[in-house]
C-alpha atoms as a PDB file:
ATOM      1  CA  MET A   1     -10.293  13.510  -3.176  1.00  0.00           C
ATOM      2  CA  SER A   2     -10.328  17.736  -1.411  1.00  0.00           C
ATOM      3  CA  ASN A   3     -12.213  17.121   1.330  1.00  0.00           C
ATOM      4  CA  PRO A   4     -10.940  18.501   4.260  1.00  0.00           C
ATOM      5  CA  VAL A   5     -10.605  15.996   7.714  1.00  0.00           C
ATOM      6  CA  GLY A   6     -13.353  15.638   9.813  1.00  0.00           C
ATOM      7  CA  ARG A   7     -16.254  14.838   6.802  1.00  0.00           C
ATOM      8  CA  SER A   8     -18.208  11.096   6.780  1.00  0.00           C
ATOM      9  CA  GLU A   9     -17.073  10.283   3.105  1.00  0.00           C
ATOM     10  CA  ILE A  10     -14.310   7.163   3.032  1.00  0.00           C
ATOM     11  CA  GLU A  11     -12.451   8.369  -0.250  1.00  0.00           C
ATOM     12  CA  PHE A  12     -10.041   6.112  -2.349  1.00  0.00           C
ATOM     13  CA  TRP A  13      -7.335   6.652  -4.482  1.00  0.00           C
ATOM     14  CA  ARG A  14      -7.436   4.290  -7.661  1.00  0.00           C
ATOM     15  CA  GLU A  15      -5.657   3.674 -10.456  1.00  0.00           C
ATOM     16  CA  ALA A  16      -7.460   3.621 -13.449  1.00  0.00           C
ATOM     17  CA  SER A  17      -6.107   1.178 -15.998  1.00  0.00           C
ATOM     18  CA  LEU A  18      -6.249  -1.108 -12.650  1.00  0.00           C
ATOM     19  CA  SER A  19     -10.076  -0.189 -12.261  1.00  0.00           C
ATOM     20  CA  SER A  20     -10.399  -1.806 -15.849  1.00  0.00           C
ATOM     21  CA  VAL A  21      -9.544  -5.269 -14.747  1.00  0.00           C
ATOM     22  CA  PRO A  22     -12.389  -7.051 -14.176  1.00  0.00           C
ATOM     23  CA  GLY A  23     -13.480  -8.230 -10.901  1.00  0.00           C
ATOM     24  CA  ILE A  24     -11.159  -6.897  -9.084  1.00  0.00           C
ATOM     25  CA  VAL A  25     -11.518  -3.945  -6.257  1.00  0.00           C
ATOM     26  CA  HIS A  26      -8.780  -1.783  -5.288  1.00  0.00           C
ATOM     27  CA  GLY A  27      -8.314   1.323  -3.406  1.00  0.00           C
ATOM     28  CA  PHE A  28      -5.826   3.274  -1.347  1.00  0.00           C
ATOM     29  CA  SER A  29      -7.713   5.125   1.595  1.00  0.00           C
ATOM     30  CA  ALA A  30      -7.495   9.026   2.389  1.00  0.00           C
ATOM     31  CA  ARG A  31      -7.592  10.016   6.060  1.00  0.00           C
ATOM     32  CA  THR A  32     -11.044  11.629   5.348  1.00  0.00           C
ATOM     33  CA  GLY A  33     -13.902   9.911   7.073  1.00  0.00           C
ATOM     34  CA  GLY A  34     -13.273   7.703  10.282  1.00  0.00           C
ATOM     35  CA  VAL A  35     -14.148   8.103  13.888  1.00  0.00           C
ATOM     36  CA  SER A  36     -10.354   8.398  15.268  1.00  0.00           C
ATOM     37  CA  ALA A  37      -9.337  11.580  17.108  1.00  0.00           C
ATOM     38  CA  ALA A  38      -6.506  13.769  17.120  1.00  0.00           C
ATOM     39  CA  PRO A  39      -3.352  12.989  16.049  1.00  0.00           C
ATOM     40  CA  TRP A  40      -4.834  10.051  13.862  1.00  0.00           C
ATOM     41  CA  ALA A  41      -7.939  11.635  12.968  1.00  0.00           C
ATOM     42  CA  GLY A  42      -9.918  10.775  11.314  1.00  0.00           C
ATOM     43  CA  LEU A  43      -9.971   7.228   8.619  1.00  0.00           C
ATOM     44  CA  ASN A  44      -7.054   5.793  10.823  1.00  0.00           C
ATOM     45  CA  LEU A  45      -6.619   2.284  10.030  1.00  0.00           C
ATOM     46  CA  GLY A  46      -3.540   1.080  12.246  1.00  0.00           C
ATOM     47  CA  LEU A  47      -3.678  -1.124  15.094  1.00  0.00           C
ATOM     48  CA  HIS A  48      -0.042  -0.454  16.620  1.00  0.00           C
ATOM     49  CA  VAL A  49       0.213   3.658  16.349  1.00  0.00           C
ATOM     50  CA  GLY A  50      -1.334   4.445  19.937  1.00  0.00           C
ATOM     51  CA  ASP A  51      -5.067   5.100  18.802  1.00  0.00           C
ATOM     52  CA  ASP A  52      -8.529   3.547  20.406  1.00  0.00           C
ATOM     53  CA  PRO A  53      -8.582   0.237  19.229  1.00  0.00           C
ATOM     54  CA  GLU A  54     -12.118   0.574  18.891  1.00  0.00           C
ATOM     55  CA  ALA A  55     -11.792   3.469  16.663  1.00  0.00           C
ATOM     56  CA  VAL A  56      -9.393   1.818  14.356  1.00  0.00           C
ATOM     57  CA  LEU A  57     -11.930  -1.461  14.376  1.00  0.00           C
ATOM     58  CA  ALA A  58     -14.874   1.076  13.287  1.00  0.00           C
ATOM     59  CA  ASN A  59     -13.011   2.652  10.619  1.00  0.00           C
ATOM     60  CA  ARG A  60     -11.890  -0.872   9.026  1.00  0.00           C
ATOM     61  CA  ARG A  61     -15.357  -2.244   8.976  1.00  0.00           C
ATOM     62  CA  ALA A  62     -16.641   1.514   7.278  1.00  0.00           C
ATOM     63  CA  VAL A  63     -13.508   0.892   4.963  1.00  0.00           C
ATOM     64  CA  SER A  64     -14.514  -3.133   4.265  1.00  0.00           C
ATOM     65  CA  ALA A  65     -18.349  -2.105   3.701  1.00  0.00           C
ATOM     66  CA  ALA A  66     -17.241   0.646   1.144  1.00  0.00           C
ATOM     67  CA  LEU A  67     -14.950  -1.812  -1.124  1.00  0.00           C
ATOM     68  CA  GLY A  68     -17.704  -4.784  -0.701  1.00  0.00           C
ATOM     69  CA  PHE A  69     -16.085  -7.080   1.365  1.00  0.00           C
ATOM     70  CA  ALA A  70     -16.646  -8.872   5.012  1.00  0.00           C
ATOM     71  CA  PRO A  71     -14.229  -7.223   7.530  1.00  0.00           C
ATOM     72  CA  GLU A  72     -13.605 -10.875   8.819  1.00  0.00           C
ATOM     73  CA  ARG A  73     -12.360 -11.357   5.014  1.00  0.00           C
ATOM     74  CA  LEU A  74      -9.383  -9.196   5.473  1.00  0.00           C
ATOM     75  CA  VAL A  75      -5.825 -10.366   5.506  1.00  0.00           C
ATOM     76  CA  CYS A  76      -3.152  -8.567   6.975  1.00  0.00           C
ATOM     77  CA  ALA A  77       0.748  -8.720   7.023  1.00  0.00           C
ATOM     78  CA  GLU A  78       3.261  -7.778  10.224  1.00  0.00           C
ATOM     79  CA  GLN A  79       5.139  -5.667   7.403  1.00  0.00           C
ATOM     80  CA  VAL A  80       8.595  -6.005   8.636  1.00  0.00           C
ATOM     81  CA  HIS A  81      10.275  -3.575   6.153  1.00  0.00           C
ATOM     82  CA  GLY A  82      11.590  -6.574   4.399  1.00  0.00           C
ATOM     83  CA  GLY A  83      11.073  -8.511   1.044  1.00  0.00           C
ATOM     84  CA  GLU A  84       9.129 -11.643   2.154  1.00  0.00           C
ATOM     85  CA  VAL A  85       5.967 -12.653   0.405  1.00  0.00           C
ATOM     86  CA  CYS A  86       3.213 -14.717   1.616  1.00  0.00           C
ATOM     87  CA  ILE A  87       0.250 -16.204  -1.207  1.00  0.00           C
ATOM     88  CA  VAL A  88      -2.972 -16.827   1.293  1.00  0.00           C
ATOM     89  CA  GLY A  89      -6.027 -17.992   1.042  1.00  0.00           C
ATOM     90  CA  ASP A  90      -9.652 -19.204   2.469  1.00  0.00           C
ATOM     91  CA  ALA A  91      -7.479 -20.249   5.679  1.00  0.00           C
ATOM     92  CA  ASP A  92      -5.876 -17.032   6.462  1.00  0.00           C
ATOM     93  CA  ALA A  93      -9.486 -14.808   6.009  1.00  0.00           C
ATOM     94  CA  GLY A  94      -9.580 -12.523   9.280  1.00  0.00           C
ATOM     95  CA  ARG A  95      -5.258 -12.519   9.834  1.00  0.00           C
ATOM     96  CA  GLY A  96      -4.759  -9.193  11.199  1.00  0.00           C
ATOM     97  CA  ALA A  97      -8.285  -7.839  11.081  1.00  0.00           C
ATOM     98  CA  GLY A  98      -9.178  -7.207  14.485  1.00  0.00           C
ATOM     99  CA  ASP A  99      -5.891  -7.665  16.269  1.00  0.00           C
ATOM    100  CA  PHE A 100      -2.114  -6.946  15.165  1.00  0.00           C
ATOM    101  CA  ASP A 101      -0.615  -9.887  16.557  1.00  0.00           C
ATOM    102  CA  SER A 102      -2.586 -11.983  14.576  1.00  0.00           C
ATOM    103  CA  ALA A 103      -1.046 -10.608  11.092  1.00  0.00           C
ATOM    104  CA  ILE A 104       0.581 -12.823   8.967  1.00  0.00           C
ATOM    105  CA  PRO A 105       4.360 -12.447  10.711  1.00  0.00           C
ATOM    106  CA  GLY A 106       7.581 -11.378   8.484  1.00  0.00           C
ATOM    107  CA  VAL A 107       5.912 -10.452   5.709  1.00  0.00           C
ATOM    108  CA  ASP A 108       6.000  -7.302   3.271  1.00  0.00           C
ATOM    109  CA  ALA A 109       3.771  -8.836   0.695  1.00  0.00           C
ATOM    110  CA  LEU A 110       0.241 -10.082  -0.341  1.00  0.00           C
ATOM    111  CA  VAL A 111      -0.669 -12.706  -3.234  1.00  0.00           C
ATOM    112  CA  THR A 112      -4.175 -14.015  -3.368  1.00  0.00           C
ATOM    113  CA  ALA A 113      -6.160 -16.313  -6.063  1.00  0.00           C
ATOM    114  CA  THR A 114      -9.052 -16.264  -3.457  1.00  0.00           C
ATOM    115  CA  PRO A 115     -12.133 -14.291  -4.660  1.00  0.00           C
ATOM    116  CA  GLY A 116     -13.400 -12.161  -1.569  1.00  0.00           C
ATOM    117  CA  LEU A 117     -10.673 -12.075   0.367  1.00  0.00           C
ATOM    118  CA  LEU A 118      -9.136  -8.580   0.749  1.00  0.00           C
ATOM    119  CA  LEU A 119      -5.528  -8.032   1.171  1.00  0.00           C
ATOM    120  CA  ALA A 120      -4.471  -4.881   3.035  1.00  0.00           C
ATOM    121  CA  LEU A 121      -1.084  -3.118   4.174  1.00  0.00           C
ATOM    122  CA  PHE A 122      -0.670   0.111   5.582  1.00  0.00           C
ATOM    123  CA  PHE A 123       0.823   3.065   5.087  1.00  0.00           C
ATOM    124  CA  ALA A 124       1.760   6.605   6.201  1.00  0.00           C
ATOM    125  CA  ASP A 125       4.897   7.482   3.716  1.00  0.00           C
ATOM    126  CA  CYS A 126       6.117   4.090   1.852  1.00  0.00           C
ATOM    127  CA  VAL A 127       5.274   3.182  -1.222  1.00  0.00           C
ATOM    128  CA  PRO A 128       1.475   1.383  -1.930  1.00  0.00           C
ATOM    129  CA  VAL A 129       2.571  -1.125  -4.719  1.00  0.00           C
ATOM    130  CA  PHE A 130      -0.758  -3.217  -6.256  1.00  0.00           C
ATOM    131  CA  LEU A 131      -0.567  -5.810  -8.975  1.00  0.00           C
ATOM    132  CA  ALA A 132      -3.168  -7.540 -10.856  1.00  0.00           C
ATOM    133  CA  ASP A 133      -3.285 -10.162 -13.249  1.00  0.00           C
ATOM    134  CA  VAL A 134      -5.163  -8.590 -16.265  1.00  0.00           C
ATOM    135  CA  ASN A 135      -7.749 -11.105 -16.278  1.00  0.00           C
ATOM    136  CA  GLY A 136      -8.182 -10.713 -12.500  1.00  0.00           C
ATOM    137  CA  GLY A 137      -7.568 -13.760 -11.364  1.00  0.00           C
ATOM    138  CA  VAL A 138      -4.463 -13.185  -9.263  1.00  0.00           C
ATOM    139  CA  VAL A 139      -4.129  -9.636  -7.161  1.00  0.00           C
ATOM    140  CA  ALA A 140      -0.756  -8.455  -4.950  1.00  0.00           C
ATOM    141  CA  VAL A 141       0.021  -5.691  -2.961  1.00  0.00           C
ATOM    142  CA  ALA A 142       3.448  -4.748  -1.629  1.00  0.00           C
ATOM    143  CA  HIS A 143       4.979  -2.424   1.189  1.00  0.00           C
ATOM    144  CA  GLY A 144       7.373  -0.106  -0.697  1.00  0.00           C
ATOM    145  CA  GLY A 145       9.566   1.028   1.916  1.00  0.00           C
ATOM    146  CA  TRP A 146      13.247   1.619   1.091  1.00  0.00           C
ATOM    147  CA  LYS A 147      14.797  -1.375   3.116  1.00  0.00           C
ATOM    148  CA  GLY A 148      11.782  -2.950   1.587  1.00  0.00           C
ATOM    149  CA  LEU A 149      13.144  -1.817  -1.480  1.00  0.00           C
ATOM    150  CA  VAL A 150      16.829  -2.862  -0.790  1.00  0.00           C
ATOM    151  CA  SER A 151      15.521  -6.332   0.480  1.00  0.00           C
ATOM    152  CA  GLY A 152      13.348  -6.781  -3.402  1.00  0.00           C
ATOM    153  CA  VAL A 153       9.766  -6.945  -1.882  1.00  0.00           C
ATOM    154  CA  VAL A 154       8.752  -5.916  -5.363  1.00  0.00           C
ATOM    155  CA  GLU A 155      11.118  -8.189  -7.716  1.00  0.00           C
ATOM    156  CA  ASN A 156       9.669 -11.309  -5.172  1.00  0.00           C
ATOM    157  CA  THR A 157       5.952 -10.268  -5.604  1.00  0.00           C
ATOM    158  CA  VAL A 158       6.308 -10.264  -9.392  1.00  0.00           C
ATOM    159  CA  ALA A 159       8.416 -13.640  -9.363  1.00  0.00           C
ATOM    160  CA  ALA A 160       5.594 -15.372  -6.910  1.00  0.00           C
ATOM    161  CA  LEU A 161       2.783 -14.033  -9.166  1.00  0.00           C
ATOM    162  CA  HIS A 162       4.996 -16.159 -12.085  1.00  0.00           C
ATOM    163  CA  GLU A 163       6.062 -18.859 -10.059  1.00  0.00           C
ATOM    164  CA  ARG A 164       2.693 -19.968  -8.112  1.00  0.00           C
ATOM    165  CA  PHE A 165       0.168 -18.582 -10.450  1.00  0.00           C
ATOM    166  CA  ALA A 166       1.938 -18.580 -14.446  1.00  0.00           C
ATOM    167  CA  VAL A 167       1.438 -15.381 -14.514  1.00  0.00           C
ATOM    168  CA  ALA A 168       3.819 -13.905 -16.990  1.00  0.00           C
ATOM    169  CA  PRO A 169       5.035 -10.488 -15.822  1.00  0.00           C
ATOM    170  CA  SER A 170       4.205  -8.888 -18.847  1.00  0.00           C
ATOM    171  CA  ARG A 171       0.576  -9.611 -18.231  1.00  0.00           C
ATOM    172  CA  LEU A 172       0.391  -7.812 -14.788  1.00  0.00           C
ATOM    173  CA  ARG A 173      -1.211  -4.437 -14.148  1.00  0.00           C
ATOM    174  CA  ALA A 174       0.686  -2.419 -11.644  1.00  0.00           C
ATOM    175  CA  ALA A 175       0.081   0.739  -9.791  1.00  0.00           C
ATOM    176  CA  ILE A 176       2.014   2.628  -7.750  1.00  0.00           C
ATOM    177  CA  GLY A 177      -0.141   4.732  -5.084  1.00  0.00           C
ATOM    178  CA  PRO A 178       0.391   7.929  -2.597  1.00  0.00           C
ATOM    179  CA  CYS A 179       3.305   7.922  -0.915  1.00  0.00           C
ATOM    180  CA  ILE A 180       6.604  10.336   0.057  1.00  0.00           C
ATOM    181  CA  GLY A 181       7.595  12.393  -2.871  1.00  0.00           C
ATOM    182  CA  PRO A 182      11.443  12.921  -3.313  1.00  0.00           C
ATOM    183  CA  ALA A 183      11.313  16.575  -2.034  1.00  0.00           C
ATOM    184  CA  ALA A 184       9.851  15.761   1.190  1.00  0.00           C
ATOM    185  CA  PHE A 185      12.345  12.617   1.676  1.00  0.00           C
ATOM    186  CA  GLU A 186      15.633  13.299   2.648  1.00  0.00           C
ATOM    187  CA  VAL A 187      17.658  10.748   3.422  1.00  0.00           C
ATOM    188  CA  GLY A 188      21.633   9.932   4.399  1.00  0.00           C
ATOM    189  CA  PRO A 189      24.393   8.912   2.161  1.00  0.00           C
ATOM    190  CA  GLU A 190      24.231   5.742   3.091  1.00  0.00           C
ATOM    191  CA  VAL A 191      20.590   5.405   2.060  1.00  0.00           C
ATOM    192  CA  ALA A 192      21.223   7.579  -1.248  1.00  0.00           C
ATOM    193  CA  ALA A 193      24.037   4.878  -2.122  1.00  0.00           C
ATOM    194  CA  ARG A 194      21.468   2.093  -2.317  1.00  0.00           C
ATOM    195  CA  PHE A 195      19.563   4.597  -4.737  1.00  0.00           C
ATOM    196  CA  PRO A 196      22.426   5.751  -7.992  1.00  0.00           C
ATOM    197  CA  GLY A 197      19.399   5.965  -9.903  1.00  0.00           C
ATOM    198  CA  GLU A 198      16.331   7.666  -8.157  1.00  0.00           C
ATOM    199  CA  THR A 199      18.752  10.143  -5.847  1.00  0.00           C
ATOM    200  CA  LEU A 200      18.379  14.104  -6.431  1.00  0.00           C
ATOM    201  CA  TRP A 201      20.079  17.033  -5.294  1.00  0.00           C
ATOM    202  CA  LEU A 202      18.071  19.390  -4.819  1.00  0.00           C
ATOM    203  CA  PRO A 203      18.437  23.257  -4.953  1.00  0.00           C
ATOM    204  CA  ALA A 204      20.314  24.157  -1.802  1.00  0.00           C
ATOM    205  CA  ALA A 205      19.909  20.791  -0.558  1.00  0.00           C
ATOM    206  CA  GLU A 206      22.431  19.858   1.745  1.00  0.00           C
ATOM    207  CA  ARG A 207      21.253  16.010   1.600  1.00  0.00           C
ATOM    208  CA  PRO A 208      20.524  13.796  -1.050  1.00  0.00           C
ATOM    209  CA  HIS A 209      16.695  13.330  -1.617  1.00  0.00           C
ATOM    210  CA  VAL A 210      15.233   9.645  -3.118  1.00  0.00           C
ATOM    211  CA  ASP A 211      12.445   9.168  -5.338  1.00  0.00           C
ATOM    212  CA  LEU A 212      10.497   6.035  -3.628  1.00  0.00           C
ATOM    213  CA  ALA A 213       8.050   5.886  -6.571  1.00  0.00           C
ATOM    214  CA  ARG A 214      10.957   6.046  -9.193  1.00  0.00           C
ATOM    215  CA  ALA A 215      12.612   3.468  -7.287  1.00  0.00           C
ATOM    216  CA  VAL A 216       9.564   0.807  -7.427  1.00  0.00           C
ATOM    217  CA  ARG A 217       8.787   1.682 -11.291  1.00  0.00           C
ATOM    218  CA  SER A 218      12.042   1.249 -12.438  1.00  0.00           C
ATOM    219  CA  ARG A 219      12.278  -2.346 -10.125  1.00  0.00           C
ATOM    220  CA  LEU A 220       8.537  -3.057 -11.617  1.00  0.00           C
ATOM    221  CA  ILE A 221       9.818  -2.933 -15.257  1.00  0.00           C
ATOM    222  CA  ALA A 222      13.198  -4.675 -14.291  1.00  0.00           C
ATOM    223  CA  ALA A 223      11.360  -7.363 -13.704  1.00  0.00           C
ATOM    224  CA  GLY A 224       9.271  -7.648 -16.898  1.00  0.00           C
ATOM    225  CA  VAL A 225       6.320  -5.444 -15.865  1.00  0.00           C
ATOM    226  CA  SER A 226       5.463  -3.210 -19.039  1.00  0.00           C
ATOM    227  CA  ALA A 227       6.084   0.156 -18.424  1.00  0.00           C
ATOM    228  CA  GLU A 228       2.810   1.364 -20.317  1.00  0.00           C
ATOM    229  CA  SER A 229       0.921  -1.175 -17.337  1.00  0.00           C
ATOM    230  CA  ILE A 230       2.616   0.441 -14.314  1.00  0.00           C
ATOM    231  CA  GLY A 231       0.243   4.148 -13.313  1.00  0.00           C
ATOM    232  CA  VAL A 232       1.732   6.116 -10.963  1.00  0.00           C
ATOM    233  CA  ALA A 233       0.154   8.485  -8.090  1.00  0.00           C
ATOM    234  CA  GLU A 234       1.138  12.029  -8.402  1.00  0.00           C
ATOM    235  CA  GLU A 235       0.209  12.880  -4.731  1.00  0.00           C
ATOM    236  CA  CYS A 236       2.867  13.255  -2.315  1.00  0.00           C
ATOM    237  CA  THR A 237       1.381  12.433   1.502  1.00  0.00           C
ATOM    238  CA  ALA A 238       3.995  14.351   3.339  1.00  0.00           C
ATOM    239  CA  ALA A 239       2.701  17.197   1.377  1.00  0.00           C
ATOM    240  CA  LEU A 240      -0.879  16.827   2.347  1.00  0.00           C
ATOM    241  CA  PRO A 241      -1.695  16.993   5.458  1.00  0.00           C
ATOM    242  CA  ASP A 242      -5.443  17.273   5.065  1.00  0.00           C
ATOM    243  CA  ARG A 243      -5.707  14.130   3.192  1.00  0.00           C
ATOM    244  CA  TYR A 244      -2.925  11.700   4.354  1.00  0.00           C
ATOM    245  CA  PHE A 245      -1.242  10.812   7.626  1.00  0.00           C
ATOM    246  CA  SER A 246       2.870  11.087   7.154  1.00  0.00           C
ATOM    247  CA  HIS A 247       5.274   9.426   9.500  1.00  0.00           C
ATOM    248  CA  ARG A 248       8.176  11.715   8.273  1.00  0.00           C
ATOM    249  CA  ARG A 249       6.134  14.940   8.591  1.00  0.00           C
ATOM    250  CA  ASP A 250       4.194  14.432  12.033  1.00  0.00           C
ATOM    251  CA  ALA A 251       7.675  13.077  13.383  1.00  0.00           C
ATOM    252  CA  GLY A 252       5.978   9.642  14.123  1.00  0.00           C
ATOM    253  CA  ARG A 253       3.019  10.430  15.848  1.00  0.00           C
ATOM    254  CA  THR A 254       0.070  10.105  12.869  1.00  0.00           C
ATOM    255  CA  GLY A 255      -2.482   7.026  11.752  1.00  0.00           C
ATOM    256  CA  ARG A 256      -2.156   5.071   8.796  1.00  0.00           C
ATOM    257  CA  MET A 257      -3.914   4.752   5.378  1.00  0.00           C
ATOM    258  CA  GLY A 258      -4.866   1.430   3.840  1.00  0.00           C
ATOM    259  CA  ALA A 259      -3.446  -0.377   0.700  1.00  0.00           C
ATOM    260  CA  PHE A 260      -6.546  -2.853  -0.449  1.00  0.00           C
ATOM    261  CA  ILE A 261      -6.668  -5.370  -2.789  1.00  0.00           C
ATOM    262  CA  GLY A 262      -9.039  -8.220  -3.767  1.00  0.00           C
ATOM    263  CA  ILE A 263     -11.000 -10.143  -6.392  1.00  0.00           C
ATOM    264  CA  THR A 264     -14.878  -9.903  -5.775  1.00  0.00           C
ATOM    265  CA  PRO A 265     -16.563 -11.842  -3.636  1.00  0.00           C
ATOM    266  CA  PRO A 266     -18.934 -14.574  -5.560  1.00  0.00           C
ATOM    267  CA  GLU A 267     -22.628 -13.725  -5.363  1.00  0.00           C
END
């Protein structure tokens, strides 16, 4: 995924072990490709960041096609940096796909066992968390900002898979996608206090830094997911401006990447 911004190719980060789960599709989009203009160039997928809505919708259609899903089968959440999870089905197809207001309100994680739905959440530094039953019958995606992690979004998503679909945590494959790395995620002491096991003091740093990907991994393991079943991206969104949007690096004026997962549509 090294193409510079402005080329036409749509690229995705994918995790190898999750890719081996039968019957599912997943991916985390780069900013390459797309039709958005600066400062959202090129594949901005966020409808709430000031970009031309028609450009965003064109980008979403292109991503859906690249993943093999119809754009009207996207399901999106409001993402409020909380811990709530929603189970979605056919009746939810298209929610948030064409406008921000119709997204499922008040939730930061989506779960489905319905083939043909493409779950979608949007990111610009927070942690994308993908989950799938090893047999491919149920999938989930969660938005792991620091507030959502404190609110239990990871544990709640694992619990929803178990309670609603009888998927034991030990049967899950998980992937932690590209996010802001600890070198770029400087925080105040009040945030660091919430992450005692993931707080770092870097050389010459005056304030603590937090490793959000490590925090997600720790919570997945504590929830019963096998450490061997968790793949972690090695890319920092803030450190790669040609590849990823970053809310922190770009002082809030930036686009959004998408984390997508779905069960393959029936033929």
